[in-house]
């Protein structure tokens, strides 16, 4: 899978710089880059190296993964084997970014097991809560009633958990990792 589009990285850089209240000159100085280089990155006119992105993320005080996430939709689903890839320059390692963390939220992690036959209806959680789910085995239908998605092994989905939502196993022995993110 190719790296995310430069436009997504550019938008994330601008968004995170503005969120931090920094000018381009301030951020470039903190990251040890020329302001003109940062301006090219933010306009999707440059091809930032991993080293430059690490320096910018460090200067912003955020995980580098946040620069690879596009603007989130209401419900996100990433099929197995897809998603932005982060590769090491020094080791045989590759990771698929599913979701970047945030300093403003907590995450609770659950391993869940479901069987077909009953639908699990969940009430809305606290405002701005998000649920992330990765299916390990089986098949699962999940999400807000208005936007249910079906997932198989390795598939990932995220959806707002501050509205009623549901879980329904579509195969025996369905297991998944559930991460509840809340302020």
N, C-alpha and C. Protein backbone atom coordinates (compact mmCIF):
# COMPACT_ATOMS: atom_id res chain seq x y z
N UNK A 1 0.85 -1.18 0.00
CA UNK A 1 0.00 0.00 0.00
C UNK A 1 0.89 1.23 0.00
N UNK A 2 0.64 2.18 -0.88
CA UNK A 2 1.47 3.38 -0.92
C UNK A 2 1.25 4.25 0.31
N UNK A 3 2.22 5.14 0.54
CA UNK A 3 2.09 6.09 1.65
C UNK A 3 0.88 6.97 1.40
N UNK A 4 0.34 7.55 2.46
CA UNK A 4 -0.84 8.40 2.28
C UNK A 4 -0.50 9.57 1.37
N UNK A 5 -1.50 10.12 0.73
CA UNK A 5 -1.25 11.23 -0.19
C UNK A 5 -0.58 12.40 0.53
N UNK A 6 0.28 13.10 -0.19
CA UNK A 6 0.95 14.25 0.38
C UNK A 6 -0.04 15.30 0.86
N UNK A 7 -1.19 15.38 0.20
CA UNK A 7 -2.20 16.35 0.62
C UNK A 7 -2.68 16.07 2.04
N UNK A 8 -2.80 14.78 2.43
CA UNK A 8 -3.20 14.44 3.80
C UNK A 8 -2.13 14.84 4.80
N UNK A 9 -0.86 14.59 4.46
CA UNK A 9 0.23 14.98 5.35
C UNK A 9 0.28 16.49 5.47
N UNK A 10 0.13 17.20 4.35
CA UNK A 10 0.16 18.67 4.35
C UNK A 10 -0.96 19.22 5.24
N UNK A 11 -2.16 18.67 5.08
CA UNK A 11 -3.30 19.14 5.88
C UNK A 11 -3.07 18.86 7.36
N UNK A 12 -2.51 17.70 7.68
CA UNK A 12 -2.25 17.36 9.08
C UNK A 12 -1.19 18.29 9.67
N UNK A 13 -0.16 18.61 8.91
CA UNK A 13 0.86 19.54 9.40
C UNK A 13 0.26 20.90 9.72
N UNK A 14 -0.54 21.42 8.78
CA UNK A 14 -1.18 22.73 9.01
C UNK A 14 -2.11 22.68 10.22
N UNK A 15 -2.93 21.63 10.28
CA UNK A 15 -3.90 21.49 11.37
C UNK A 15 -3.19 21.43 12.73
N UNK A 16 -2.15 20.62 12.83
CA UNK A 16 -1.44 20.46 14.10
C UNK A 16 -0.64 21.70 14.46
N UNK A 17 -0.07 22.38 13.47
CA UNK A 17 0.67 23.62 13.74
C UNK A 17 -0.29 24.69 14.27
N UNK A 18 -1.45 24.82 13.62
CA UNK A 18 -2.43 25.81 14.05
C UNK A 18 -2.99 25.45 15.42
N UNK A 19 -3.23 24.16 15.66
CA UNK A 19 -3.72 23.71 16.98
C UNK A 19 -2.73 24.08 18.07
N UNK A 20 -1.43 24.00 17.76
CA UNK A 20 -0.39 24.33 18.72
C UNK A 20 -0.17 25.84 18.85
N UNK A 21 -0.80 26.63 17.96
CA UNK A 21 -0.65 28.08 18.01
C UNK A 21 0.71 28.56 17.55
N UNK A 22 1.32 27.82 16.63
CA UNK A 22 2.65 28.18 16.14
C UNK A 22 2.59 28.77 14.73
N UNK A 23 3.48 29.70 14.46
CA UNK A 23 3.64 30.19 13.09
C UNK A 23 4.52 29.19 12.34
N UNK A 24 4.57 29.31 11.03
CA UNK A 24 5.48 28.44 10.27
C UNK A 24 6.92 28.65 10.71
N UNK A 25 7.29 29.91 10.93
CA UNK A 25 8.66 30.21 11.34
C UNK A 25 8.98 29.55 12.68
N UNK A 26 8.03 29.62 13.63
CA UNK A 26 8.25 29.00 14.94
C UNK A 26 8.46 27.49 14.82
N UNK A 27 7.56 26.84 14.08
CA UNK A 27 7.65 25.38 13.95
C UNK A 27 8.91 24.98 13.20
N UNK A 28 9.22 25.67 12.12
CA UNK A 28 10.42 25.34 11.35
C UNK A 28 11.66 25.46 12.24
N UNK A 29 11.72 26.53 13.03
CA UNK A 29 12.87 26.73 13.92
C UNK A 29 12.97 25.60 14.94
N UNK A 30 11.85 25.24 15.57
CA UNK A 30 11.85 24.16 16.56
C UNK A 30 12.28 22.83 15.95
N UNK A 31 11.90 22.60 14.68
CA UNK A 31 12.20 21.32 14.02
C UNK A 31 13.56 21.32 13.33
N UNK A 32 14.21 22.48 13.30
CA UNK A 32 15.52 22.57 12.64
C UNK A 32 15.41 22.53 11.12
N UNK A 33 14.32 23.06 10.59
CA UNK A 33 14.10 23.10 9.14
C UNK A 33 14.00 24.55 8.69
N UNK A 34 14.24 24.78 7.41
CA UNK A 34 14.02 26.10 6.84
C UNK A 34 12.51 26.34 6.72
N UNK A 35 12.08 27.57 6.96
CA UNK A 35 10.66 27.90 6.86
C UNK A 35 10.14 27.60 5.46
N UNK A 36 10.96 27.82 4.44
CA UNK A 36 10.53 27.54 3.05
C UNK A 36 10.27 26.05 2.84
N UNK A 37 11.03 25.20 3.51
CA UNK A 37 10.82 23.75 3.41
C UNK A 37 9.48 23.38 4.04
N UNK A 38 9.20 23.93 5.22
CA UNK A 38 7.92 23.66 5.88
C UNK A 38 6.77 24.19 5.03
N UNK A 39 6.93 25.35 4.43
CA UNK A 39 5.88 25.91 3.57
C UNK A 39 5.59 24.97 2.40
N UNK A 40 6.64 24.39 1.81
CA UNK A 40 6.44 23.43 0.71
C UNK A 40 5.73 22.18 1.21
N UNK A 41 6.11 21.68 2.40
CA UNK A 41 5.44 20.50 2.95
C UNK A 41 3.96 20.79 3.17
N UNK A 42 3.65 21.96 3.75
CA UNK A 42 2.26 22.30 4.05
C UNK A 42 1.43 22.56 2.80
N UNK A 43 2.07 22.84 1.68
CA UNK A 43 1.32 23.04 0.43
C UNK A 43 1.35 21.78 -0.43
N UNK A 44 1.84 20.67 0.13
CA UNK A 44 1.93 19.38 -0.57
C UNK A 44 2.82 19.48 -1.80
N UNK A 45 3.77 20.40 -1.74
CA UNK A 45 4.69 20.61 -2.86
C UNK A 45 6.05 19.96 -2.59
N UNK A 46 6.25 19.44 -1.40
CA UNK A 46 7.51 18.81 -1.07
C UNK A 46 7.31 17.33 -0.82
N UNK A 47 8.40 16.60 -0.70
CA UNK A 47 8.35 15.17 -0.40
C UNK A 47 9.11 14.96 0.90
N UNK A 48 8.44 15.12 2.04
CA UNK A 48 9.14 15.08 3.32
C UNK A 48 9.73 13.70 3.61
N UNK A 49 10.94 13.71 4.14
CA UNK A 49 11.56 12.45 4.57
C UNK A 49 10.98 12.06 5.92
N UNK A 50 11.19 10.80 6.29
CA UNK A 50 10.75 10.34 7.60
C UNK A 50 11.44 11.16 8.69
N UNK A 51 12.72 11.48 8.48
CA UNK A 51 13.45 12.29 9.46
C UNK A 51 12.83 13.66 9.66
N UNK A 52 12.43 14.30 8.57
CA UNK A 52 11.79 15.62 8.67
C UNK A 52 10.45 15.51 9.39
N UNK A 53 9.67 14.47 9.07
CA UNK A 53 8.37 14.29 9.72
C UNK A 53 8.54 14.01 11.21
N UNK A 54 9.56 13.22 11.59
CA UNK A 54 9.83 12.98 13.01
C UNK A 54 10.16 14.28 13.71
N UNK A 55 11.03 15.09 13.07
CA UNK A 55 11.43 16.37 13.68
C UNK A 55 10.22 17.27 13.86
N UNK A 56 9.33 17.32 12.87
CA UNK A 56 8.14 18.16 12.98
C UNK A 56 7.19 17.64 14.06
N UNK A 57 7.00 16.32 14.10
CA UNK A 57 6.12 15.74 15.12
C UNK A 57 6.68 16.02 16.51
N UNK A 58 7.99 15.84 16.69
CA UNK A 58 8.61 16.13 17.99
C UNK A 58 8.42 17.59 18.36
N UNK A 59 8.63 18.49 17.40
CA UNK A 59 8.48 19.92 17.66
C UNK A 59 7.04 20.28 18.02
N UNK A 60 6.08 19.53 17.49
CA UNK A 60 4.67 19.76 17.79
C UNK A 60 4.21 19.04 19.05
N UNK A 61 5.04 18.10 19.53
CA UNK A 61 4.67 17.34 20.72
C UNK A 61 3.60 16.31 20.45
N UNK A 62 3.59 15.74 19.24
CA UNK A 62 2.58 14.76 18.85
C UNK A 62 3.26 13.50 18.34
N UNK A 63 2.57 12.37 18.33
CA UNK A 63 3.13 11.17 17.69
C UNK A 63 3.18 11.37 16.18
N UNK A 64 4.20 10.86 15.55
CA UNK A 64 4.33 11.01 14.09
C UNK A 64 3.12 10.43 13.37
N UNK A 65 2.50 9.43 13.95
CA UNK A 65 1.35 8.79 13.30
C UNK A 65 0.23 9.79 13.01
N UNK A 66 0.11 10.82 13.84
CA UNK A 66 -0.96 11.80 13.62
C UNK A 66 -0.80 12.52 12.29
N UNK A 67 0.42 12.59 11.75
CA UNK A 67 0.65 13.26 10.47
C UNK A 67 0.23 12.40 9.28
N UNK A 68 -0.03 11.12 9.53
CA UNK A 68 -0.42 10.22 8.46
C UNK A 68 -1.92 10.00 8.39
N UNK A 69 -2.65 10.48 9.38
CA UNK A 69 -4.10 10.29 9.38
C UNK A 69 -4.76 11.42 8.60
N UNK A 70 -5.66 11.05 7.72
CA UNK A 70 -6.46 12.04 7.01
C UNK A 70 -7.52 12.61 7.93
N UNK A 71 -8.28 13.56 7.44
CA UNK A 71 -9.37 14.13 8.22
C UNK A 71 -10.38 13.03 8.51
N UNK A 72 -10.70 12.79 9.79
CA UNK A 72 -11.59 11.67 10.11
C UNK A 72 -13.02 11.89 9.62
N UNK A 73 -13.65 10.79 9.23
CA UNK A 73 -15.07 10.79 8.87
C UNK A 73 -15.85 10.32 10.07
N UNK A 74 -17.14 10.26 9.95
CA UNK A 74 -17.97 9.75 11.04
C UNK A 74 -17.60 8.31 11.37
N UNK A 75 -17.62 7.42 10.37
CA UNK A 75 -17.26 6.02 10.57
C UNK A 75 -16.12 5.72 9.61
N UNK A 76 -15.03 5.18 10.15
CA UNK A 76 -13.89 4.79 9.32
C UNK A 76 -13.79 3.28 9.33
N UNK A 77 -13.49 2.72 8.17
CA UNK A 77 -13.27 1.28 8.09
C UNK A 77 -12.04 1.06 7.24
N UNK A 78 -11.11 0.25 7.73
CA UNK A 78 -9.89 -0.07 6.99
C UNK A 78 -9.86 -1.58 6.82
N UNK A 79 -9.97 -2.07 5.58
CA UNK A 79 -9.91 -3.52 5.36
C UNK A 79 -8.53 -4.07 5.74
N UNK A 80 -8.48 -5.35 6.07
CA UNK A 80 -7.22 -6.01 6.42
C UNK A 80 -6.19 -5.79 5.32
N UNK A 81 -4.97 -5.49 5.71
CA UNK A 81 -3.89 -5.31 4.76
C UNK A 81 -3.82 -3.93 4.15
N UNK A 82 -4.74 -3.05 4.52
CA UNK A 82 -4.71 -1.69 3.99
C UNK A 82 -4.42 -0.71 5.11
N UNK A 83 -4.37 0.55 4.78
CA UNK A 83 -4.06 1.59 5.77
C UNK A 83 -2.69 2.15 5.51
N UNK A 84 -2.47 3.38 5.96
CA UNK A 84 -1.16 4.00 5.74
C UNK A 84 -0.05 3.17 6.38
N UNK A 85 1.03 2.95 5.66
CA UNK A 85 2.14 2.14 6.14
C UNK A 85 3.26 3.03 6.67
N UNK A 86 3.83 2.61 7.75
CA UNK A 86 5.01 3.26 8.29
C UNK A 86 6.10 2.22 8.28
N UNK A 87 7.17 2.50 7.56
CA UNK A 87 8.28 1.56 7.43
C UNK A 87 9.51 2.12 8.12
N UNK A 88 10.28 1.23 8.71
CA UNK A 88 11.53 1.62 9.33
C UNK A 88 12.60 1.71 8.27
N UNK A 89 13.47 2.69 8.43
CA UNK A 89 14.60 2.81 7.51
C UNK A 89 15.76 1.93 7.95
N UNK A 90 15.71 1.41 9.19
CA UNK A 90 16.85 0.70 9.75
C UNK A 90 16.58 -0.76 10.09
N UNK A 91 15.34 -1.22 9.96
CA UNK A 91 15.03 -2.60 10.33
C UNK A 91 13.92 -3.11 9.42
N UNK A 92 13.76 -4.42 9.40
CA UNK A 92 12.70 -5.04 8.61
C UNK A 92 11.41 -4.97 9.42
N UNK A 93 10.80 -3.80 9.44
CA UNK A 93 9.60 -3.55 10.23
C UNK A 93 8.66 -2.67 9.43
N UNK A 94 7.38 -3.02 9.48
CA UNK A 94 6.36 -2.21 8.84
C UNK A 94 5.11 -2.28 9.70
N UNK A 95 4.46 -1.15 9.88
CA UNK A 95 3.23 -1.10 10.65
C UNK A 95 2.14 -0.42 9.85
N UNK A 96 0.92 -0.85 10.02
CA UNK A 96 -0.23 -0.19 9.39
C UNK A 96 -0.87 0.69 10.44
N UNK A 97 -0.88 1.99 10.20
CA UNK A 97 -1.48 2.91 11.13
C UNK A 97 -2.99 2.81 11.06
N UNK A 98 -3.61 2.48 12.17
CA UNK A 98 -5.07 2.41 12.23
C UNK A 98 -5.64 3.67 12.86
N UNK A 99 -5.00 4.17 13.91
CA UNK A 99 -5.49 5.38 14.57
C UNK A 99 -4.38 5.96 15.42
N UNK A 100 -4.20 7.26 15.34
CA UNK A 100 -3.18 7.93 16.15
C UNK A 100 -3.78 8.31 17.50
N UNK A 101 -2.96 8.31 18.52
CA UNK A 101 -3.42 8.67 19.85
C UNK A 101 -3.54 10.17 20.02
N UNK A 102 -4.01 10.57 21.17
CA UNK A 102 -4.23 11.98 21.45
C UNK A 102 -3.97 12.22 22.93
N UNK A 103 -3.42 13.37 23.25
CA UNK A 103 -3.16 13.71 24.64
C UNK A 103 -4.45 14.05 25.38
N UNK A 104 -5.51 14.33 24.64
CA UNK A 104 -6.76 14.78 25.25
C UNK A 104 -7.70 13.64 25.63
N UNK A 105 -7.37 12.41 25.33
CA UNK A 105 -8.31 11.31 25.59
C UNK A 105 -7.62 10.15 26.29
N UNK A 106 -8.45 9.29 26.89
CA UNK A 106 -7.98 8.02 27.48
C UNK A 106 -8.45 6.90 26.57
N UNK A 107 -7.77 5.79 26.63
CA UNK A 107 -8.17 4.62 25.86
C UNK A 107 -8.24 3.42 26.77
N UNK A 108 -9.38 2.72 26.72
CA UNK A 108 -9.55 1.46 27.43
C UNK A 108 -9.54 0.37 26.36
N UNK A 109 -8.82 -0.72 26.63
CA UNK A 109 -8.67 -1.79 25.64
C UNK A 109 -9.35 -3.05 26.15
N UNK A 110 -10.17 -3.66 25.29
CA UNK A 110 -10.91 -4.88 25.64
C UNK A 110 -10.69 -5.94 24.57
N UNK A 111 -10.65 -7.18 24.98
CA UNK A 111 -10.73 -8.31 24.07
C UNK A 111 -12.15 -8.83 24.21
N UNK A 112 -12.90 -8.83 23.11
CA UNK A 112 -14.30 -9.25 23.20
C UNK A 112 -14.53 -10.52 22.40
N UNK A 113 -15.48 -11.31 22.85
CA UNK A 113 -15.88 -12.55 22.18
C UNK A 113 -17.39 -12.51 22.02
N UNK A 114 -17.87 -12.78 20.81
CA UNK A 114 -19.30 -12.73 20.53
C UNK A 114 -19.71 -13.98 19.78
N UNK A 115 -20.96 -14.35 19.96
CA UNK A 115 -21.54 -15.47 19.22
C UNK A 115 -22.77 -14.97 18.47
N UNK A 116 -23.06 -15.58 17.32
CA UNK A 116 -24.25 -15.16 16.57
C UNK A 116 -25.53 -15.43 17.35
N UNK A 117 -26.56 -14.70 16.99
CA UNK A 117 -27.87 -14.96 17.57
C UNK A 117 -28.43 -13.80 18.36
N UNK A 118 -27.60 -13.05 19.00
CA UNK A 118 -28.09 -11.91 19.77
C UNK A 118 -27.35 -10.66 19.33
N UNK A 119 -28.06 -9.57 19.26
CA UNK A 119 -27.46 -8.29 18.90
C UNK A 119 -27.18 -7.53 20.19
N UNK A 120 -25.96 -7.06 20.33
CA UNK A 120 -25.60 -6.26 21.49
C UNK A 120 -25.84 -4.80 21.19
N UNK A 121 -26.84 -4.22 21.83
CA UNK A 121 -27.13 -2.80 21.65
C UNK A 121 -26.46 -2.02 22.78
N UNK A 122 -25.66 -1.03 22.41
CA UNK A 122 -24.95 -0.23 23.41
C UNK A 122 -25.53 1.18 23.44
N UNK A 123 -25.73 1.67 24.63
CA UNK A 123 -26.17 3.05 24.81
C UNK A 123 -25.03 4.00 24.46
N UNK A 124 -25.36 5.25 24.24
CA UNK A 124 -24.34 6.26 23.96
C UNK A 124 -23.41 6.41 25.16
N UNK A 125 -22.11 6.52 24.88
CA UNK A 125 -21.12 6.78 25.92
C UNK A 125 -20.97 8.30 26.08
N UNK A 126 -19.98 8.71 26.84
CA UNK A 126 -19.76 10.14 27.08
C UNK A 126 -19.52 10.89 25.77
N UNK A 127 -19.84 12.19 25.74
CA UNK A 127 -19.63 12.98 24.51
C UNK A 127 -18.18 12.87 24.01
N UNK A 128 -18.04 12.81 22.71
CA UNK A 128 -16.77 12.72 21.97
C UNK A 128 -16.07 11.38 22.15
N UNK A 129 -16.78 10.36 22.64
CA UNK A 129 -16.21 9.01 22.72
C UNK A 129 -16.15 8.40 21.33
N UNK A 130 -15.14 7.59 21.11
CA UNK A 130 -14.96 6.89 19.83
C UNK A 130 -14.61 5.45 20.16
N UNK A 131 -15.17 4.51 19.40
CA UNK A 131 -14.78 3.11 19.55
C UNK A 131 -13.98 2.69 18.32
N UNK A 132 -12.90 1.96 18.57
CA UNK A 132 -12.04 1.40 17.53
C UNK A 132 -12.13 -0.11 17.69
N UNK A 133 -12.24 -0.82 16.58
CA UNK A 133 -12.35 -2.28 16.69
C UNK A 133 -11.57 -2.95 15.56
N UNK A 134 -10.84 -4.00 15.92
CA UNK A 134 -10.11 -4.83 14.96
C UNK A 134 -10.56 -6.27 15.20
N UNK A 135 -11.07 -6.90 14.16
CA UNK A 135 -11.55 -8.28 14.27
C UNK A 135 -10.36 -9.23 14.16
N UNK A 136 -10.28 -10.17 15.12
CA UNK A 136 -9.23 -11.19 15.09
C UNK A 136 -9.72 -12.44 14.37
N UNK A 137 -10.92 -12.94 14.76
CA UNK A 137 -11.50 -14.12 14.12
C UNK A 137 -12.99 -13.90 13.94
N UNK A 138 -13.56 -14.57 12.96
CA UNK A 138 -14.99 -14.49 12.72
C UNK A 138 -15.38 -13.28 11.88
N UNK A 139 -16.65 -12.90 12.00
CA UNK A 139 -17.18 -11.74 11.26
C UNK A 139 -18.08 -10.96 12.20
N UNK A 140 -18.11 -9.65 12.02
CA UNK A 140 -18.82 -8.78 12.93
C UNK A 140 -19.50 -7.65 12.17
N UNK A 141 -20.74 -7.35 12.55
CA UNK A 141 -21.44 -6.16 12.06
C UNK A 141 -21.47 -5.19 13.22
N UNK A 142 -21.00 -3.94 13.00
CA UNK A 142 -20.83 -3.02 14.11
C UNK A 142 -21.01 -1.58 13.66
N UNK A 143 -21.35 -0.71 14.62
CA UNK A 143 -21.43 0.72 14.37
C UNK A 143 -22.76 1.30 14.76
N UNK A 144 -22.92 2.61 14.49
CA UNK A 144 -24.23 3.22 14.71
C UNK A 144 -25.25 2.61 13.75
N UNK A 145 -26.49 2.51 14.18
CA UNK A 145 -27.54 1.88 13.36
C UNK A 145 -27.59 2.46 11.95
N UNK A 146 -27.32 3.75 11.81
CA UNK A 146 -27.41 4.41 10.51
C UNK A 146 -26.23 4.11 9.60
N UNK A 147 -25.16 3.53 10.14
CA UNK A 147 -23.97 3.31 9.32
C UNK A 147 -23.21 2.06 9.75
N UNK A 148 -23.89 0.93 9.77
CA UNK A 148 -23.26 -0.33 10.15
C UNK A 148 -22.26 -0.77 9.10
N UNK A 149 -21.16 -1.38 9.55
CA UNK A 149 -20.16 -1.95 8.64
C UNK A 149 -19.94 -3.40 9.02
N UNK A 150 -19.56 -4.22 8.05
CA UNK A 150 -19.24 -5.63 8.30
C UNK A 150 -17.74 -5.80 8.22
N UNK A 151 -17.20 -6.50 9.22
CA UNK A 151 -15.76 -6.68 9.33
C UNK A 151 -15.40 -8.15 9.40
N UNK A 152 -14.26 -8.48 8.81
CA UNK A 152 -13.70 -9.82 8.90
C UNK A 152 -12.33 -9.74 9.56
N UNK A 153 -11.63 -10.88 9.65
CA UNK A 153 -10.33 -10.90 10.32
C UNK A 153 -9.37 -9.85 9.75
N UNK A 154 -8.81 -9.05 10.66
CA UNK A 154 -7.85 -8.02 10.28
C UNK A 154 -8.47 -6.69 9.92
N UNK A 155 -9.80 -6.64 9.70
CA UNK A 155 -10.45 -5.37 9.35
C UNK A 155 -10.53 -4.47 10.58
N UNK A 156 -10.48 -3.17 10.32
CA UNK A 156 -10.54 -2.15 11.37
C UNK A 156 -11.68 -1.20 11.09
N UNK A 157 -12.35 -0.75 12.13
CA UNK A 157 -13.37 0.29 11.99
C UNK A 157 -13.30 1.19 13.22
N UNK A 158 -13.69 2.45 13.03
CA UNK A 158 -13.83 3.40 14.14
C UNK A 158 -15.12 4.14 13.91
N UNK A 159 -15.81 4.45 15.01
CA UNK A 159 -17.09 5.15 14.89
C UNK A 159 -17.39 5.91 16.16
N UNK A 160 -18.25 6.94 16.06
CA UNK A 160 -18.62 7.69 17.25
C UNK A 160 -19.36 6.78 18.24
N UNK A 161 -18.93 6.81 19.49
CA UNK A 161 -19.57 5.98 20.50
C UNK A 161 -20.47 6.82 21.41
N UNK A 162 -20.63 8.09 21.06
CA UNK A 162 -21.51 8.94 21.85
C UNK A 162 -22.93 8.96 21.29
N UNK A 163 -23.22 7.98 20.44
CA UNK A 163 -24.58 7.72 19.95
C UNK A 163 -24.83 6.23 20.15
N UNK A 164 -26.08 5.79 20.22
CA UNK A 164 -26.34 4.35 20.35
C UNK A 164 -25.69 3.58 19.20
N UNK A 165 -25.16 2.42 19.50
CA UNK A 165 -24.48 1.60 18.48
C UNK A 165 -24.69 0.13 18.82
N UNK A 166 -24.25 -0.72 17.90
CA UNK A 166 -24.50 -2.15 18.15
C UNK A 166 -23.36 -3.02 17.67
N UNK A 167 -23.36 -4.26 18.20
CA UNK A 167 -22.42 -5.30 17.83
C UNK A 167 -23.22 -6.55 17.52
N UNK A 168 -22.89 -7.19 16.40
CA UNK A 168 -23.58 -8.42 16.05
C UNK A 168 -22.58 -9.38 15.40
N UNK A 169 -22.38 -10.54 16.03
CA UNK A 169 -21.51 -11.56 15.46
C UNK A 169 -22.21 -12.21 14.27
N UNK A 170 -21.47 -12.37 13.19
CA UNK A 170 -22.00 -13.02 11.99
C UNK A 170 -21.42 -14.41 11.80
N UNK A 171 -20.50 -14.79 12.69
CA UNK A 171 -19.88 -16.12 12.63
C UNK A 171 -19.56 -16.57 14.05
N UNK A 172 -19.50 -17.90 14.24
CA UNK A 172 -19.17 -18.44 15.56
C UNK A 172 -17.75 -18.03 15.96
N UNK A 173 -17.55 -17.95 17.28
CA UNK A 173 -16.23 -17.64 17.83
C UNK A 173 -15.64 -16.33 17.29
N UNK A 174 -16.45 -15.33 17.17
CA UNK A 174 -15.96 -14.02 16.73
C UNK A 174 -15.23 -13.36 17.90
N UNK A 175 -14.00 -12.95 17.64
CA UNK A 175 -13.19 -12.27 18.65
C UNK A 175 -12.64 -11.00 18.03
N UNK A 176 -12.54 -9.95 18.86
CA UNK A 176 -12.05 -8.68 18.38
C UNK A 176 -11.40 -7.92 19.51
N UNK A 177 -10.55 -6.98 19.16
CA UNK A 177 -9.98 -6.04 20.12
C UNK A 177 -10.78 -4.77 19.99
N UNK A 178 -11.31 -4.29 21.11
CA UNK A 178 -12.10 -3.08 21.16
C UNK A 178 -11.35 -2.05 21.99
N UNK A 179 -11.19 -0.88 21.43
CA UNK A 179 -10.57 0.23 22.15
C UNK A 179 -11.60 1.33 22.28
N UNK A 180 -11.93 1.69 23.51
CA UNK A 180 -12.86 2.78 23.78
C UNK A 180 -12.04 4.01 24.12
N UNK A 181 -12.19 5.02 23.32
CA UNK A 181 -11.44 6.27 23.48
C UNK A 181 -12.42 7.31 24.02
N UNK A 182 -12.07 7.93 25.15
CA UNK A 182 -13.00 8.90 25.73
C UNK A 182 -12.23 10.00 26.44
N UNK A 183 -12.85 11.21 26.48
CA UNK A 183 -12.16 12.35 27.13
C UNK A 183 -12.03 12.14 28.62
